[in-house]
Amino acid sequence: MEGSIEARVSHEVDRWLAWLPRWRPGTHRARVRLCTRCFGSPILAAAGLDVDVPHPVQHAFSMRMKGVIDVAVDDYTARNLPMLHAEIRLAEERKARRPYRAGEGLDPEFLGLDLDPEPVPDQPFLFTLTGLEADAAAEHDEPAPRPFTFEEKEALREEVRLADEFAKQLGRRICVELSQHRERIRSAVVAYVEPQVEELLADLDRELDSPGWPG
């Protein structure tokens, strides 16, 4: 999307708000591992989504904001950091040649989530999507990239540092902008998320009070 960072953030908040009424709580087991994208995220805190909000709702929002950052950083890299830009393009080309990529083509709401359920002790999976992707990558031989000289390594490290600094600055701008959207984000959570969570808790309470419950 063209336009300022503020316009892009507003647009992605609009898209998240349009998706939110379709969200339904999952019925599978709760995840054990923390999501590194969402846990302690300043972006979620700025949006008011860091407390008492189900992780899938948080994750859908944070991945949309990540998309805003990724597009801007890619543009900055292409214009200002030639070595890093070339390496990123080569990595993307190698990835595109893999015969199977399990996470390709997912909507932003599902990007970055575990592809497979967490394993259960003594109940092995026949196969996993992650395993199939790893097998396909192993079978696809790629020539080893040319080794860097010391000077090239130093130059690339500096470009990576500049890209990281640009991304951090951008993240801070997004946090400031999200403060303008907190009220409508909160209103949507109250309207679409909290009633479903309350219904789940009510169902659990009815189950625990059931005469057939042990003890």
C-alpha atoms as a PDB file:
ATOM      1  CA  MET A   1       0.000   0.000   0.000  1.00  0.00           C
ATOM      2  CA  GLU A   2       1.297   3.458  -0.912  1.00  0.00           C
ATOM      3  CA  GLY A   3       1.272   6.410   1.464  1.00  0.00           C
ATOM      4  CA  SER A   4       2.669   7.439   4.814  1.00  0.00           C
ATOM      5  CA  ILE A   5       3.385   5.054   7.662  1.00  0.00           C
ATOM      6  CA  GLU A   6       0.439   6.569   9.527  1.00  0.00           C
ATOM      7  CA  ALA A   7      -1.887   5.827   6.609  1.00  0.00           C
ATOM      8  CA  ARG A   8      -0.572   2.267   6.314  1.00  0.00           C
ATOM      9  CA  VAL A   9      -1.078   1.645  10.034  1.00  0.00           C
ATOM     10  CA  SER A  10      -4.638   2.986   9.849  1.00  0.00           C
ATOM     11  CA  HIS A  11      -5.337   0.792   6.831  1.00  0.00           C
ATOM     12  CA  GLU A  12      -4.061  -2.355   8.563  1.00  0.00           C
ATOM     13  CA  VAL A  13      -6.041  -1.563  11.719  1.00  0.00           C
ATOM     14  CA  ASP A  14      -9.116  -1.287   9.487  1.00  0.00           C
ATOM     15  CA  ARG A  15      -8.374  -4.695   7.951  1.00  0.00           C
ATOM     16  CA  TRP A  16      -7.858  -6.273  11.385  1.00  0.00           C
ATOM     17  CA  LEU A  17     -11.157  -4.786  12.575  1.00  0.00           C
ATOM     18  CA  ALA A  18     -12.883  -6.242   9.511  1.00  0.00           C
ATOM     19  CA  TRP A  19     -11.409  -9.678  10.301  1.00  0.00           C
ATOM     20  CA  LEU A  20     -12.167  -9.660  14.027  1.00  0.00           C
ATOM     21  CA  PRO A  21     -15.908 -10.504  13.779  1.00  0.00           C
ATOM     22  CA  ARG A  22     -14.923 -13.748  12.006  1.00  0.00           C
ATOM     23  CA  TRP A  23     -12.605 -14.853  14.815  1.00  0.00           C
ATOM     24  CA  ARG A  24     -13.685 -17.862  16.845  1.00  0.00           C
ATOM     25  CA  PRO A  25     -11.903 -19.391  19.846  1.00  0.00           C
ATOM     26  CA  GLY A  26      -9.936 -22.521  19.056  1.00  0.00           C
ATOM     27  CA  THR A  27     -11.030 -25.826  20.516  1.00  0.00           C
ATOM     28  CA  HIS A  28      -7.557 -27.434  20.499  1.00  0.00           C
ATOM     29  CA  ARG A  29      -5.162 -27.618  23.423  1.00  0.00           C
ATOM     30  CA  ALA A  30      -3.588 -24.396  24.619  1.00  0.00           C
ATOM     31  CA  ARG A  31      -0.099 -23.675  23.313  1.00  0.00           C
ATOM     32  CA  VAL A  32       2.776 -24.325  25.708  1.00  0.00           C
ATOM     33  CA  ARG A  33       5.497 -22.218  24.096  1.00  0.00           C
ATOM     34  CA  LEU A  34       5.329 -18.437  24.278  1.00  0.00           C
ATOM     35  CA  CYS A  35       4.987 -16.599  20.972  1.00  0.00           C
ATOM     36  CA  THR A  36       8.132 -14.503  20.636  1.00  0.00           C
ATOM     37  CA  ARG A  37       6.338 -12.180  18.230  1.00  0.00           C
ATOM     38  CA  CYS A  38       3.609 -11.290  20.752  1.00  0.00           C
ATOM     39  CA  PHE A  39       5.057 -11.792  24.231  1.00  0.00           C
ATOM     40  CA  GLY A  40       6.155  -8.409  25.591  1.00  0.00           C
ATOM     41  CA  SER A  41       5.392  -6.670  22.290  1.00  0.00           C
ATOM     42  CA  PRO A  42       5.437  -2.846  22.614  1.00  0.00           C
ATOM     43  CA  ILE A  43       3.144  -2.677  19.579  1.00  0.00           C
ATOM     44  CA  LEU A  44       0.473  -4.755  21.329  1.00  0.00           C
ATOM     45  CA  ALA A  45       0.900  -2.631  24.444  1.00  0.00           C
ATOM     46  CA  ALA A  46       0.461   0.550  22.392  1.00  0.00           C
ATOM     47  CA  ALA A  47      -2.730  -0.880  20.876  1.00  0.00           C
ATOM     48  CA  GLY A  48      -4.063  -1.967  24.288  1.00  0.00           C
ATOM     49  CA  LEU A  49      -4.007  -5.636  23.310  1.00  0.00           C
ATOM     50  CA  ASP A  50      -1.287  -6.851  25.664  1.00  0.00           C
ATOM     51  CA  VAL A  51      -3.544  -7.912  28.570  1.00  0.00           C
ATOM     52  CA  ASP A  52      -6.563 -10.252  28.736  1.00  0.00           C
ATOM     53  CA  VAL A  53      -6.789 -10.784  24.977  1.00  0.00           C
ATOM     54  CA  PRO A  54      -6.542 -14.285  23.397  1.00  0.00           C
ATOM     55  CA  HIS A  55      -3.273 -14.923  21.625  1.00  0.00           C
ATOM     56  CA  PRO A  56      -4.784 -15.513  18.141  1.00  0.00           C
ATOM     57  CA  VAL A  57      -6.347 -12.038  18.312  1.00  0.00           C
ATOM     58  CA  GLN A  58      -3.030 -10.518  19.411  1.00  0.00           C
ATOM     59  CA  HIS A  59      -1.074 -12.435  16.787  1.00  0.00           C
ATOM     60  CA  ALA A  60      -3.333 -11.358  13.938  1.00  0.00           C
ATOM     61  CA  PHE A  61      -2.778  -7.730  14.908  1.00  0.00           C
ATOM     62  CA  SER A  62       0.973  -7.948  15.458  1.00  0.00           C
ATOM     63  CA  MET A  63       1.526  -9.691  12.111  1.00  0.00           C
ATOM     64  CA  ARG A  64      -0.328  -6.935  10.294  1.00  0.00           C
ATOM     65  CA  MET A  65       1.890  -4.340  11.950  1.00  0.00           C
ATOM     66  CA  LYS A  66       4.920  -6.492  11.127  1.00  0.00           C
ATOM     67  CA  GLY A  67       3.834  -6.345   7.494  1.00  0.00           C
ATOM     68  CA  VAL A  68       3.886  -2.540   7.613  1.00  0.00           C
ATOM     69  CA  ILE A  69       7.417  -2.612   9.031  1.00  0.00           C
ATOM     70  CA  ASP A  70       8.640  -5.273   6.583  1.00  0.00           C
ATOM     71  CA  VAL A  71       7.444  -3.335   3.531  1.00  0.00           C
ATOM     72  CA  ALA A  72       9.050  -0.097   4.731  1.00  0.00           C
ATOM     73  CA  VAL A  73      12.324  -1.805   5.677  1.00  0.00           C
ATOM     74  CA  ASP A  74      12.441  -3.595   2.312  1.00  0.00           C
ATOM     75  CA  ASP A  75      11.994  -0.271   0.532  1.00  0.00           C
ATOM     76  CA  TYR A  76      14.673   1.400   2.687  1.00  0.00           C
ATOM     77  CA  THR A  77      17.049  -1.524   2.092  1.00  0.00           C
ATOM     78  CA  ALA A  78      16.505  -1.514  -1.672  1.00  0.00           C
ATOM     79  CA  ARG A  79      17.243   2.220  -1.856  1.00  0.00           C
ATOM     80  CA  ASN A  80      20.121   2.510   0.620  1.00  0.00           C
ATOM     81  CA  LEU A  81      21.721  -0.853   1.447  1.00  0.00           C
ATOM     82  CA  PRO A  82      22.850  -2.579  -1.766  1.00  0.00           C
ATOM     83  CA  MET A  83      24.757  -5.510  -0.238  1.00  0.00           C
ATOM     84  CA  LEU A  84      21.991  -6.465   2.183  1.00  0.00           C
ATOM     85  CA  HIS A  85      19.383  -6.041  -0.542  1.00  0.00           C
ATOM     86  CA  ALA A  86      21.289  -8.385  -2.843  1.00  0.00           C
ATOM     87  CA  GLU A  87      21.665 -11.030  -0.118  1.00  0.00           C
ATOM     88  CA  ILE A  88      17.970 -10.877   0.755  1.00  0.00           C
ATOM     89  CA  ARG A  89      17.011 -11.304  -2.898  1.00  0.00           C
ATOM     90  CA  LEU A  90      19.341 -14.309  -3.253  1.00  0.00           C
ATOM     91  CA  ALA A  91      17.873 -15.892  -0.113  1.00  0.00           C
ATOM     92  CA  GLU A  92      14.339 -15.357  -1.407  1.00  0.00           C
ATOM     93  CA  GLU A  93      15.255 -16.893  -4.763  1.00  0.00           C
ATOM     94  CA  ARG A  94      16.720 -19.972  -3.048  1.00  0.00           C
ATOM     95  CA  LYS A  95      13.600 -20.319  -0.918  1.00  0.00           C
ATOM     96  CA  ALA A  96      11.341 -19.928  -3.951  1.00  0.00           C
ATOM     97  CA  ARG A  97      13.067 -22.860  -5.652  1.00  0.00           C
ATOM     98  CA  ARG A  98      12.150 -25.254  -2.836  1.00  0.00           C
ATOM     99  CA  PRO A  99       9.518 -27.745  -4.006  1.00  0.00           C
ATOM    100  CA  TYR A 100       7.354 -27.428  -0.885  1.00  0.00           C
ATOM    101  CA  ARG A 101       6.823 -24.512   1.501  1.00  0.00           C
ATOM    102  CA  ALA A 102       4.190 -25.238   4.122  1.00  0.00           C
ATOM    103  CA  GLY A 103       3.679 -21.659   5.289  1.00  0.00           C
ATOM    104  CA  GLU A 104       3.363 -20.064   1.857  1.00  0.00           C
ATOM    105  CA  GLY A 105       0.233 -18.095   0.965  1.00  0.00           C
ATOM    106  CA  LEU A 106      -1.221 -17.832   4.466  1.00  0.00           C
ATOM    107  CA  ASP A 107      -3.304 -14.836   5.480  1.00  0.00           C
ATOM    108  CA  PRO A 108      -1.550 -12.432   7.888  1.00  0.00           C
ATOM    109  CA  GLU A 109      -3.662 -13.776  10.754  1.00  0.00           C
ATOM    110  CA  PHE A 110      -1.954 -17.161  10.444  1.00  0.00           C
ATOM    111  CA  LEU A 111       1.602 -16.175   9.508  1.00  0.00           C
ATOM    112  CA  GLY A 112       4.181 -17.103  12.094  1.00  0.00           C
ATOM    113  CA  LEU A 113       1.987 -19.578  13.953  1.00  0.00           C
ATOM    114  CA  ASP A 114       3.132 -23.159  14.504  1.00  0.00           C
ATOM    115  CA  LEU A 115       2.314 -25.231  11.432  1.00  0.00           C
ATOM    116  CA  ASP A 116       1.725 -28.372  13.497  1.00  0.00           C
ATOM    117  CA  PRO A 117       0.076 -29.038  16.862  1.00  0.00           C
ATOM    118  CA  GLU A 118       2.419 -29.595  19.762  1.00  0.00           C
ATOM    119  CA  PRO A 119       3.368 -33.275  20.139  1.00  0.00           C
ATOM    120  CA  VAL A 120       1.745 -35.501  22.738  1.00  0.00           C
ATOM    121  CA  PRO A 121       4.030 -37.920  24.640  1.00  0.00           C
ATOM    122  CA  ASP A 122       3.826 -41.500  23.313  1.00  0.00           C
ATOM    123  CA  GLN A 123       1.570 -40.374  20.442  1.00  0.00           C
ATOM    124  CA  PRO A 124       3.897 -39.714  17.492  1.00  0.00           C
ATOM    125  CA  PHE A 125       2.587 -38.046  14.359  1.00  0.00           C
ATOM    126  CA  LEU A 126       2.641 -40.017  11.113  1.00  0.00           C
ATOM    127  CA  PHE A 127       4.048 -36.861   9.492  1.00  0.00           C
ATOM    128  CA  THR A 128       4.193 -33.121  10.152  1.00  0.00           C
ATOM    129  CA  LEU A 129       4.065 -30.177   7.758  1.00  0.00           C
ATOM    130  CA  THR A 130       7.315 -28.864   9.235  1.00  0.00           C
ATOM    131  CA  GLY A 131       8.944 -32.229   8.684  1.00  0.00           C
ATOM    132  CA  LEU A 132       7.743 -32.428   5.079  1.00  0.00           C
ATOM    133  CA  GLU A 133       9.121 -28.957   4.406  1.00  0.00           C
ATOM    134  CA  ALA A 134      12.497 -29.871   5.944  1.00  0.00           C
ATOM    135  CA  ASP A 135      12.655 -33.097   3.917  1.00  0.00           C
ATOM    136  CA  ALA A 136      11.877 -31.242   0.705  1.00  0.00           C
ATOM    137  CA  ALA A 137      14.554 -28.638   1.452  1.00  0.00           C
ATOM    138  CA  ALA A 138      17.131 -31.349   2.199  1.00  0.00           C
ATOM    139  CA  GLU A 139      16.431 -33.116  -1.092  1.00  0.00           C
ATOM    140  CA  HIS A 140      16.809 -29.882  -3.065  1.00  0.00           C
ATOM    141  CA  ASP A 141      20.525 -29.293  -3.497  1.00  0.00           C
ATOM    142  CA  GLU A 142      21.663 -25.672  -3.640  1.00  0.00           C
ATOM    143  CA  PRO A 143      25.213 -24.636  -4.491  1.00  0.00           C
ATOM    144  CA  ALA A 144      27.081 -23.132  -1.554  1.00  0.00           C
ATOM    145  CA  PRO A 145      27.144 -19.322  -1.684  1.00  0.00           C
ATOM    146  CA  ARG A 146      30.419 -17.572  -2.365  1.00  0.00           C
ATOM    147  CA  PRO A 147      32.272 -16.846   0.899  1.00  0.00           C
ATOM    148  CA  PHE A 148      32.583 -13.201   1.884  1.00  0.00           C
ATOM    149  CA  THR A 149      35.866 -11.394   2.277  1.00  0.00           C
ATOM    150  CA  PHE A 150      36.558  -9.741   5.631  1.00  0.00           C
ATOM    151  CA  GLU A 151      35.751  -6.320   4.162  1.00  0.00           C
ATOM    152  CA  GLU A 152      32.460  -7.596   2.723  1.00  0.00           C
ATOM    153  CA  LYS A 153      31.481  -9.102   6.091  1.00  0.00           C
ATOM    154  CA  GLU A 154      32.131  -5.822   7.859  1.00  0.00           C
ATOM    155  CA  ALA A 155      30.192  -3.863   5.255  1.00  0.00           C
ATOM    156  CA  LEU A 156      27.270  -6.284   5.459  1.00  0.00           C
ATOM    157  CA  ARG A 157      27.222  -6.122   9.272  1.00  0.00           C
ATOM    158  CA  GLU A 158      27.018  -2.334   9.060  1.00  0.00           C
ATOM    159  CA  GLU A 159      24.121  -2.497   6.600  1.00  0.00           C
ATOM    160  CA  VAL A 160      22.297  -4.978   8.860  1.00  0.00           C
ATOM    161  CA  ARG A 161      22.806  -2.580  11.780  1.00  0.00           C
ATOM    162  CA  LEU A 162      21.362   0.301   9.767  1.00  0.00           C
ATOM    163  CA  ALA A 163      18.351  -1.788   8.726  1.00  0.00           C
ATOM    164  CA  ASP A 164      17.750  -2.831  12.340  1.00  0.00           C
ATOM    165  CA  GLU A 165      17.953   0.765  13.517  1.00  0.00           C
ATOM    166  CA  PHE A 166      15.506   1.872  10.829  1.00  0.00           C
ATOM    167  CA  ALA A 167      13.081  -0.916  11.864  1.00  0.00           C
ATOM    168  CA  LYS A 168      13.300   0.150  15.538  1.00  0.00           C
ATOM    169  CA  GLN A 169      12.588   3.771  14.650  1.00  0.00           C
ATOM    170  CA  LEU A 170       9.663   2.654  12.537  1.00  0.00           C
ATOM    171  CA  GLY A 171       8.324   0.516  15.372  1.00  0.00           C
ATOM    172  CA  ARG A 172       8.381   3.542  17.662  1.00  0.00           C
ATOM    173  CA  ARG A 173       6.459   5.599  15.096  1.00  0.00           C
ATOM    174  CA  ILE A 174       3.869   2.850  14.805  1.00  0.00           C
ATOM    175  CA  CYS A 175       3.449   2.688  18.586  1.00  0.00           C
ATOM    176  CA  VAL A 176       2.776   6.436  18.679  1.00  0.00           C
ATOM    177  CA  GLU A 177       0.266   6.146  15.845  1.00  0.00           C
ATOM    178  CA  LEU A 178      -1.560   3.214  17.462  1.00  0.00           C
ATOM    179  CA  SER A 179      -2.408   5.370  20.455  1.00  0.00           C
ATOM    180  CA  GLN A 180      -4.835   7.140  18.092  1.00  0.00           C
ATOM    181  CA  HIS A 181      -6.636   3.866  17.419  1.00  0.00           C
ATOM    182  CA  ARG A 182      -6.846   2.423  20.942  1.00  0.00           C
ATOM    183  CA  GLU A 183     -10.480   3.350  21.495  1.00  0.00           C
ATOM    184  CA  ARG A 184     -11.853   1.652  18.395  1.00  0.00           C
ATOM    185  CA  ILE A 185      -9.596  -1.355  18.952  1.00  0.00           C
ATOM    186  CA  ARG A 186     -10.902  -1.672  22.514  1.00  0.00           C
ATOM    187  CA  SER A 187     -14.521  -1.268  21.377  1.00  0.00           C
ATOM    188  CA  ALA A 188     -14.081  -4.093  18.872  1.00  0.00           C
ATOM    189  CA  VAL A 189     -12.566  -6.401  21.493  1.00  0.00           C
ATOM    190  CA  VAL A 190     -15.476  -5.699  23.835  1.00  0.00           C
ATOM    191  CA  ALA A 191     -18.001  -6.337  21.063  1.00  0.00           C
ATOM    192  CA  TYR A 192     -16.543  -9.435  19.410  1.00  0.00           C
ATOM    193  CA  VAL A 193     -13.955 -11.083  21.667  1.00  0.00           C
ATOM    194  CA  GLU A 194     -15.097 -10.738  25.251  1.00  0.00           C
ATOM    195  CA  PRO A 195     -18.574 -12.281  24.694  1.00  0.00           C
ATOM    196  CA  GLN A 196     -16.984 -15.396  23.187  1.00  0.00           C
ATOM    197  CA  VAL A 197     -14.491 -15.702  26.029  1.00  0.00           C
ATOM    198  CA  GLU A 198     -17.282 -15.278  28.574  1.00  0.00           C
ATOM    199  CA  GLU A 199     -19.297 -18.008  26.823  1.00  0.00           C
ATOM    200  CA  LEU A 200     -16.324 -20.360  26.978  1.00  0.00           C
ATOM    201  CA  LEU A 201     -15.956 -19.696  30.697  1.00  0.00           C
ATOM    202  CA  ALA A 202     -19.685 -20.237  31.208  1.00  0.00           C
ATOM    203  CA  ASP A 203     -19.478 -23.575  29.356  1.00  0.00           C
ATOM    204  CA  LEU A 204     -16.575 -24.611  31.563  1.00  0.00           C
ATOM    205  CA  ASP A 205     -18.490 -23.620  34.674  1.00  0.00           C
ATOM    206  CA  ARG A 206     -21.495 -25.677  33.564  1.00  0.00           C
ATOM    207  CA  GLU A 207     -19.220 -28.664  32.923  1.00  0.00           C
ATOM    208  CA  LEU A 208     -17.664 -28.412  36.363  1.00  0.00           C
ATOM    209  CA  ASP A 209     -21.114 -28.215  37.956  1.00  0.00           C
ATOM    210  CA  SER A 210     -22.367 -31.225  36.008  1.00  0.00           C
ATOM    211  CA  PRO A 211     -23.613 -34.124  38.183  1.00  0.00           C
ATOM    212  CA  GLY A 212     -21.462 -36.460  36.110  1.00  0.00           C
ATOM    213  CA  TRP A 213     -18.236 -34.632  36.967  1.00  0.00           C
ATOM    214  CA  PRO A 214     -15.929 -36.882  39.027  1.00  0.00           C
ATOM    215  CA  GLY A 215     -15.889 -36.036  42.729  1.00  0.00           C
END
